[in-house]
Amino acid sequence: MKMLRIVVGYRGGDRAIDLGIAELYNTCRSIDISWYARRSDISDVKVMFESTWFDPQEFALVFMGSRVVGLGWAWELPRTNRIAMCVDSRLPIGIVEECTRSILGWARHSFESRGIRGVVRISAWCEYGYLHRVLKHVLDGAPYIETTWGTLMVFRGFERKYELPKGYRVRIASVDDIPRIVDVVNRAFSVYDWFEAWNPEDIRKYYEKYGYTMLVVENDVGDIVGYVDFEVFEAVDGSKTGIVGTLAVDPCYQRRGIGRALLSIAVEMLRSRGAERIILDGVSGLEPLYRKLGFVEYRRWALLITPMSALPTLSTPIEKLC
C-alpha cells in the first residue's frame, strides 16, 4: 500500500494544496448526492481558513505523495466532541480505508493531547452512503451507536401557503441586521448539542461572499423575531439547486406560524429564480412540520457515536508545520 502521511498546522496559502482541498470537497460531495452541494473553489477554501472558528490544531490533511487525499476535523464543541472527514473516493478501497483509519487515529491523538476524553460523534454524511459504509467497516469490532442528526428534505409542492400572523411584517435584511439575526439563531438552536454558536463576523463574510438572500420578521415594535436565508447555486453536477440554509424563530415567538410563513416565502422566491430543485437540512424530529410545507425526506445525515478509546491508535506519520 502506498505511504500516507498526515500534515497538521496548515493554515492555507499554498495554491496547489488549497486547490487540492477544494477538489477533495467536490469529490466527497458528489459521491452520493451530486446536486446537494455547491461546487467549491480556492476562494471557498480561503474563507474557511480566514474564519474565526478555524483552529489549526483541530484540522489535519492526509497526503499520498504531493496529492491531498483526505482531511479531518477534531472539534471540541461546548457539549460534544465531533469528528468530520473527507476522503478521496476515487482511490482503491484499501487506501480509502487506510486513509479513514489514519484520520480517526489522528483525531484520537489530537483530542487526547488536548486532555479531552469521553465519547465522540463521527459525522458519516448520508445514512447508508459511501462514507457511512467505509466508517462502519473500519470500526468493525468497536462499540458504537448509529443515529442521525438531521434530514435532507426536498420540496415537492405546497398543500397550502402560509401567511404571517397579524402584527408581524417581513423584509429583506442587510448586513446591519446580522448581530440581531445571530442572536435569534443562537437562541433558537442552543438546545441542540450539535450546534455551535454563530459569530457575527463570520456570518457577515459568508453572506457577502455567497449572496444569500436574508429575510427577517419583525414584531410591532421592530424586534427581529424570525429569520430565513436562501440562495440558488450551481451544484457539483452543474444543476441549479435552491437551498433554504437557515430557518430560525426566537423561542419566545415559536408556534405562531412565523416559521411556516418564512419558509413559504423563501420557496416562492427560489422557484421564481429558476431553481431546478429546492432543498433544506431539516432538524431531526421536525420532519412532520416540513412535510406539511411540501417537503419530503430524501436522506438522513448519519452519526456514529463511540468512546474515544475505541478509535484506532495513531500509526501514520505526522508532519507538523510551523
Protein backbone atom coordinates (compact mmCIF):
# COMPACT_ATOMS: atom_id res chain seq x y z
CA MET A 1 0.00 0.00 0.00
CA LYS A 2 1.24 3.46 -0.87
CA MET A 3 2.54 5.50 2.06
CA LEU A 4 0.23 8.08 3.59
CA ARG A 5 1.33 10.98 5.75
CA ILE A 6 -0.60 13.41 7.93
CA VAL A 7 0.15 17.14 7.92
CA VAL A 8 -1.05 19.32 10.82
CA GLY A 9 -0.76 23.04 11.41
CA TYR A 10 -1.67 24.04 7.85
CA ARG A 11 -3.37 27.45 7.67
CA GLY A 12 -3.84 27.82 3.92
CA GLY A 13 -1.97 29.88 1.35
CA ASP A 14 -0.30 27.20 -0.78
CA ARG A 15 -2.24 27.35 -4.04
CA ALA A 16 -1.65 23.71 -5.02
CA ILE A 17 -2.74 22.44 -1.62
CA ASP A 18 -5.76 24.74 -1.46
CA LEU A 19 -6.86 23.62 -4.93
CA GLY A 20 -6.44 20.03 -3.77
CA ILE A 21 -8.69 20.70 -0.76
CA ALA A 22 -11.38 22.27 -2.98
CA GLU A 23 -11.27 19.32 -5.38
CA LEU A 24 -11.43 16.87 -2.48
CA TYR A 25 -14.56 18.55 -1.15
CA ASN A 26 -16.17 18.34 -4.60
CA THR A 27 -15.33 14.65 -4.87
CA CYS A 28 -16.76 13.88 -1.42
CA ARG A 29 -19.94 15.83 -2.08
CA SER A 30 -20.62 14.15 -5.42
CA ILE A 31 -20.18 10.51 -4.41
CA ASP A 32 -23.74 10.14 -3.07
CA ILE A 33 -25.74 13.28 -3.97
CA SER A 34 -24.16 15.36 -6.71
CA TRP A 35 -26.84 18.07 -6.68
CA TYR A 36 -26.80 18.74 -2.94
CA ALA A 37 -23.74 20.94 -2.50
CA ARG A 38 -22.21 24.00 -4.13
CA ARG A 39 -19.08 23.39 -6.18
CA SER A 40 -16.06 24.52 -4.17
CA ASP A 41 -13.13 26.52 -5.47
CA ILE A 42 -10.00 28.03 -3.97
CA SER A 43 -11.89 31.09 -2.71
CA ASP A 44 -14.11 28.84 -0.56
CA VAL A 45 -11.02 27.29 0.99
CA LYS A 46 -9.66 30.76 1.72
CA VAL A 47 -12.88 31.69 3.55
CA MET A 48 -12.55 28.57 5.70
CA PHE A 49 -9.00 29.38 6.77
CA GLU A 50 -9.88 33.02 7.50
CA SER A 51 -12.90 32.19 9.68
CA THR A 52 -12.73 32.89 13.40
CA TRP A 53 -13.75 29.32 14.18
CA PHE A 54 -10.79 27.80 12.32
CA ASP A 55 -8.26 26.27 14.71
CA PRO A 56 -5.26 24.54 13.07
CA GLN A 57 -4.92 22.07 15.93
CA GLU A 58 -8.39 20.75 15.05
CA PHE A 59 -7.55 20.20 11.38
CA ALA A 60 -5.35 17.72 9.51
CA LEU A 61 -4.59 16.85 5.90
CA VAL A 62 -3.68 13.42 4.56
CA PHE A 63 -1.24 13.26 1.64
CA MET A 64 -0.23 10.47 -0.69
CA GLY A 65 2.91 11.89 -2.26
CA SER A 66 2.02 15.51 -3.10
CA ARG A 67 -1.70 14.76 -3.51
CA VAL A 68 -4.30 15.67 -0.88
CA VAL A 69 -6.36 12.51 -0.41
CA GLY A 70 -8.10 13.20 2.89
CA LEU A 71 -8.80 15.77 5.54
CA GLY A 72 -10.16 15.57 9.04
CA TRP A 73 -11.55 17.73 11.82
CA ALA A 74 -11.44 17.01 15.56
CA TRP A 75 -13.75 19.57 17.13
CA GLU A 76 -14.26 20.14 20.83
CA LEU A 77 -17.72 21.70 20.96
CA PRO A 78 -19.43 23.00 24.11
CA ARG A 79 -21.49 19.84 24.64
CA THR A 80 -19.88 17.19 22.47
CA ASN A 81 -16.68 16.10 20.71
CA ARG A 82 -17.02 15.62 16.98
CA ILE A 83 -15.00 14.20 14.10
CA ALA A 84 -15.67 15.06 10.48
CA MET A 85 -13.72 13.94 7.44
CA CYS A 86 -13.46 13.83 3.69
CA VAL A 87 -11.66 11.03 1.85
CA ASP A 88 -11.00 10.74 -1.88
CA SER A 89 -13.42 8.03 -3.03
CA ARG A 90 -11.61 7.69 -6.39
CA LEU A 91 -8.80 5.80 -4.66
CA PRO A 92 -8.75 1.99 -4.34
CA ILE A 93 -10.92 0.92 -1.41
CA GLY A 94 -7.94 -0.34 0.58
CA ILE A 95 -6.32 3.11 0.50
CA VAL A 96 -9.67 4.79 1.30
CA GLU A 97 -9.99 2.61 4.40
CA GLU A 98 -6.39 3.26 5.44
CA CYS A 99 -6.90 7.00 4.98
CA THR A 100 -10.08 6.82 7.08
CA ARG A 101 -8.25 4.86 9.77
CA SER A 102 -5.43 7.43 9.72
CA ILE A 103 -7.85 10.34 10.23
CA LEU A 104 -9.57 8.58 13.12
CA GLY A 105 -6.19 7.80 14.70
CA TRP A 106 -5.05 11.39 14.31
CA ALA A 107 -8.35 12.68 15.78
CA ARG A 108 -7.95 10.46 18.84
CA HIS A 109 -4.36 11.64 19.22
CA SER A 110 -5.43 15.29 18.83
CA PHE A 111 -8.19 15.00 21.43
CA GLU A 112 -6.03 13.15 23.94
CA SER A 113 -3.11 15.56 23.54
CA ARG A 114 -5.52 18.36 24.50
CA GLY A 115 -6.68 16.43 27.56
CA ILE A 116 -10.06 15.58 26.03
CA ARG A 117 -11.65 12.22 26.86
CA GLY A 118 -15.06 10.64 26.65
CA VAL A 119 -17.46 9.96 23.80
CA VAL A 120 -17.03 11.24 20.26
CA ARG A 121 -19.54 11.69 17.44
CA ILE A 122 -18.33 10.89 13.95
CA SER A 123 -20.11 12.58 11.05
CA ALA A 124 -20.77 9.93 8.40
CA TRP A 125 -22.52 12.03 5.73
CA CYS A 126 -25.71 10.40 4.45
CA GLU A 127 -27.07 7.25 6.02
CA TYR A 128 -26.07 4.12 4.06
CA GLY A 129 -23.86 6.25 1.81
CA TYR A 130 -20.24 5.71 0.83
CA LEU A 131 -18.51 7.20 3.88
CA HIS A 132 -21.05 5.64 6.25
CA ARG A 133 -20.23 2.19 4.88
CA VAL A 134 -16.48 2.80 4.98
CA LEU A 135 -16.59 4.01 8.58
CA LYS A 136 -18.63 1.02 9.72
CA HIS A 137 -16.13 -1.32 8.09
CA VAL A 138 -13.14 0.48 9.64
CA LEU A 139 -14.80 0.49 13.07
CA ASP A 140 -15.88 -3.15 12.82
CA GLY A 141 -15.48 -4.70 16.27
CA ALA A 142 -15.56 -1.35 18.09
CA PRO A 143 -18.62 -0.40 20.15
CA TYR A 144 -20.66 2.34 18.53
CA ILE A 145 -24.22 3.60 18.28
CA GLU A 146 -25.74 4.69 14.98
CA THR A 147 -28.01 7.71 14.95
CA THR A 148 -28.85 10.74 12.78
CA TRP A 149 -28.63 14.49 13.38
CA GLY A 150 -30.85 15.75 10.58
CA THR A 151 -32.66 15.00 7.34
CA LEU A 152 -32.15 16.23 3.79
CA MET A 153 -35.61 17.32 2.62
CA VAL A 154 -36.66 18.02 -0.99
CA PHE A 155 -39.58 20.25 -1.93
CA ARG A 156 -42.40 18.52 -3.83
CA GLY A 157 -45.16 21.14 -3.78
CA PHE A 158 -47.36 23.17 -1.46
CA GLU A 159 -50.52 21.73 0.05
CA ARG A 160 -51.31 25.28 1.16
CA LYS A 161 -49.50 28.57 1.61
CA TYR A 162 -48.97 30.24 4.95
CA GLU A 163 -49.28 33.93 5.72
CA LEU A 164 -47.63 35.84 8.54
CA PRO A 165 -49.87 36.30 11.58
CA LYS A 166 -51.23 39.77 12.22
CA GLY A 167 -48.88 42.18 13.93
CA TYR A 168 -45.74 40.95 12.10
CA ARG A 169 -44.02 42.07 8.91
CA VAL A 170 -41.28 40.61 6.74
CA ARG A 171 -38.48 42.48 4.99
CA ILE A 172 -35.15 41.86 3.28
CA ALA A 173 -32.31 42.06 5.80
CA SER A 174 -28.97 43.80 5.43
CA VAL A 175 -25.56 43.24 6.97
CA ASP A 176 -26.52 45.80 9.62
CA ASP A 177 -29.09 43.30 10.90
CA ILE A 178 -26.56 40.50 11.37
CA PRO A 179 -25.90 41.00 15.12
CA ARG A 180 -29.62 40.71 15.86
CA ILE A 181 -30.01 37.81 13.42
CA VAL A 182 -27.15 35.94 15.11
CA ASP A 183 -28.84 36.44 18.47
CA VAL A 184 -32.10 34.90 17.18
CA VAL A 185 -30.31 31.94 15.56
CA ASN A 186 -28.19 31.20 18.63
CA ARG A 187 -31.25 31.34 20.90
CA ALA A 188 -33.28 29.10 18.58
CA PHE A 189 -30.66 26.37 18.14
CA SER A 190 -28.92 26.42 21.52
CA VAL A 191 -30.99 23.40 22.62
CA TYR A 192 -29.16 21.11 20.16
CA ASP A 193 -25.83 19.57 21.18
CA TRP A 194 -24.56 19.65 17.57
CA PHE A 195 -24.96 23.42 17.29
CA GLU A 196 -22.02 25.78 17.57
CA ALA A 197 -22.88 29.42 18.19
CA TRP A 198 -22.65 31.75 15.21
CA ASN A 199 -20.08 34.53 15.13
CA PRO A 200 -21.35 37.80 13.56
CA GLU A 201 -18.10 38.50 11.68
CA ASP A 202 -18.03 35.02 10.10
CA ILE A 203 -21.66 35.30 9.09
CA ARG A 204 -21.13 38.72 7.52
CA LYS A 205 -18.21 37.43 5.41
CA TYR A 206 -20.11 34.31 4.43
CA TYR A 207 -23.22 36.09 3.21
CA GLU A 208 -21.27 38.81 1.43
CA LYS A 209 -19.35 36.14 -0.49
CA TYR A 210 -22.20 33.79 -1.37
CA GLY A 211 -25.01 36.30 -1.85
CA TYR A 212 -27.67 34.61 0.23
CA THR A 213 -30.97 36.45 0.44
CA MET A 214 -31.80 37.12 4.09
CA LEU A 215 -35.33 37.80 5.29
CA VAL A 216 -36.33 38.84 8.79
CA VAL A 217 -39.67 39.03 10.53
CA GLU A 218 -40.24 41.93 12.92
CA ASN A 219 -42.93 42.38 15.56
CA ASP A 220 -44.93 45.57 16.01
CA VAL A 221 -42.09 47.30 17.91
CA GLY A 222 -39.37 46.40 15.40
CA ASP A 223 -37.74 43.45 17.20
CA ILE A 224 -36.38 40.73 14.89
CA VAL A 225 -38.15 37.51 15.90
CA GLY A 226 -37.67 35.29 12.82
CA TYR A 227 -35.11 34.72 10.12
CA VAL A 228 -34.56 32.73 6.94
CA ASP A 229 -31.80 32.72 4.32
CA PHE A 230 -31.72 31.06 0.92
CA GLU A 231 -29.97 31.06 -2.45
CA VAL A 232 -29.73 29.34 -5.82
CA PHE A 233 -26.30 27.87 -6.57
CA GLU A 234 -24.54 25.75 -9.16
CA ALA A 235 -24.22 22.27 -7.69
CA VAL A 236 -21.31 19.88 -8.20
CA ASP A 237 -23.20 18.28 -11.12
CA GLY A 238 -23.86 21.68 -12.75
CA SER A 239 -27.57 21.90 -11.91
CA LYS A 240 -29.29 24.89 -10.27
CA THR A 241 -30.21 23.96 -6.73
CA GLY A 242 -32.17 26.21 -4.40
CA ILE A 243 -31.43 25.83 -0.72
CA VAL A 244 -33.08 27.14 2.40
CA GLY A 245 -29.97 27.49 4.53
CA THR A 246 -31.21 28.56 7.96
CA LEU A 247 -34.71 29.00 9.31
CA ALA A 248 -34.95 30.23 12.90
CA VAL A 249 -37.61 31.75 15.13
CA ASP A 250 -36.93 33.26 18.54
CA PRO A 251 -38.08 30.69 21.15
CA CYS A 252 -40.45 33.28 22.67
CA TYR A 253 -42.27 33.59 19.33
CA GLN A 254 -42.43 29.98 18.17
CA ARG A 255 -45.69 28.10 17.42
CA ARG A 256 -47.31 31.20 15.96
CA GLY A 257 -46.87 30.36 12.28
CA ILE A 258 -43.87 32.64 11.71
CA GLY A 259 -41.54 29.85 10.61
CA ARG A 260 -44.10 28.37 8.24
CA ALA A 261 -44.72 31.73 6.61
CA LEU A 262 -40.99 32.42 6.22
CA LEU A 263 -40.42 29.04 4.61
CA SER A 264 -43.34 29.56 2.21
CA ILE A 265 -41.95 32.94 1.14
CA ALA A 266 -38.43 31.53 0.66
CA VAL A 267 -39.70 28.66 -1.51
CA GLU A 268 -41.70 31.00 -3.72
CA MET A 269 -38.68 33.26 -4.24
CA LEU A 270 -36.42 30.30 -5.04
CA ARG A 271 -38.90 28.99 -7.60
CA SER A 272 -39.08 32.43 -9.23
CA ARG A 273 -35.27 32.37 -9.59
CA GLY A 274 -35.26 29.17 -11.61
CA ALA A 275 -34.22 26.60 -9.01
CA GLU A 276 -34.44 23.12 -10.52
CA ARG A 277 -34.99 21.67 -7.06
CA ILE A 278 -35.33 23.14 -3.57
CA ILE A 279 -33.80 21.52 -0.50
CA LEU A 280 -33.22 22.08 3.18
CA ASP A 281 -31.47 20.27 6.00
CA GLY A 282 -34.24 19.52 8.47
CA VAL A 283 -33.65 19.14 12.19
CA SER A 284 -34.35 15.60 13.39
CA GLY A 285 -37.83 15.43 14.89
CA LEU A 286 -39.22 18.31 12.83
CA GLU A 287 -39.84 16.28 9.67
CA PRO A 288 -43.65 16.34 10.15
CA LEU A 289 -43.55 20.15 10.09
CA TYR A 290 -41.54 20.20 6.86
CA ARG A 291 -43.88 17.65 5.28
CA LYS A 292 -46.83 19.96 5.94
CA LEU A 293 -44.91 22.60 3.99
CA GLY A 294 -44.42 20.39 0.93
CA PHE A 295 -41.04 18.77 1.69
CA VAL A 296 -40.30 15.04 1.73
CA GLU A 297 -37.40 13.10 3.24
CA TYR A 298 -34.59 12.20 0.85
CA ARG A 299 -31.64 11.14 3.06
CA ARG A 300 -30.77 11.23 6.73
CA TRP A 301 -27.43 12.57 7.96
CA ALA A 302 -25.68 9.84 9.91
CA LEU A 303 -23.61 9.86 13.10
CA LEU A 304 -21.59 7.09 14.71
CA ILE A 305 -21.15 7.59 18.47
CA THR A 306 -18.28 5.75 20.12
CA PRO A 307 -15.91 6.02 23.07
CA MET A 308 -12.76 7.87 22.09
CA SER A 309 -10.74 4.95 23.44
CA ALA A 310 -12.34 2.69 20.81
CA LEU A 311 -10.87 4.69 17.91
CA PRO A 312 -7.79 3.37 16.11
CA THR A 313 -4.44 4.41 17.54
CA LEU A 314 -2.23 6.70 15.50
CA SER A 315 0.06 4.79 13.15
CA THR A 316 0.51 7.24 10.26
CA PRO A 317 3.49 9.62 10.35
CA ILE A 318 2.65 13.23 11.30
CA GLU A 319 4.40 16.29 9.89
CA LYS A 320 3.82 19.49 11.81
CA LEU A 321 4.02 22.82 10.03
CA CYS A 322 5.25 25.82 11.98
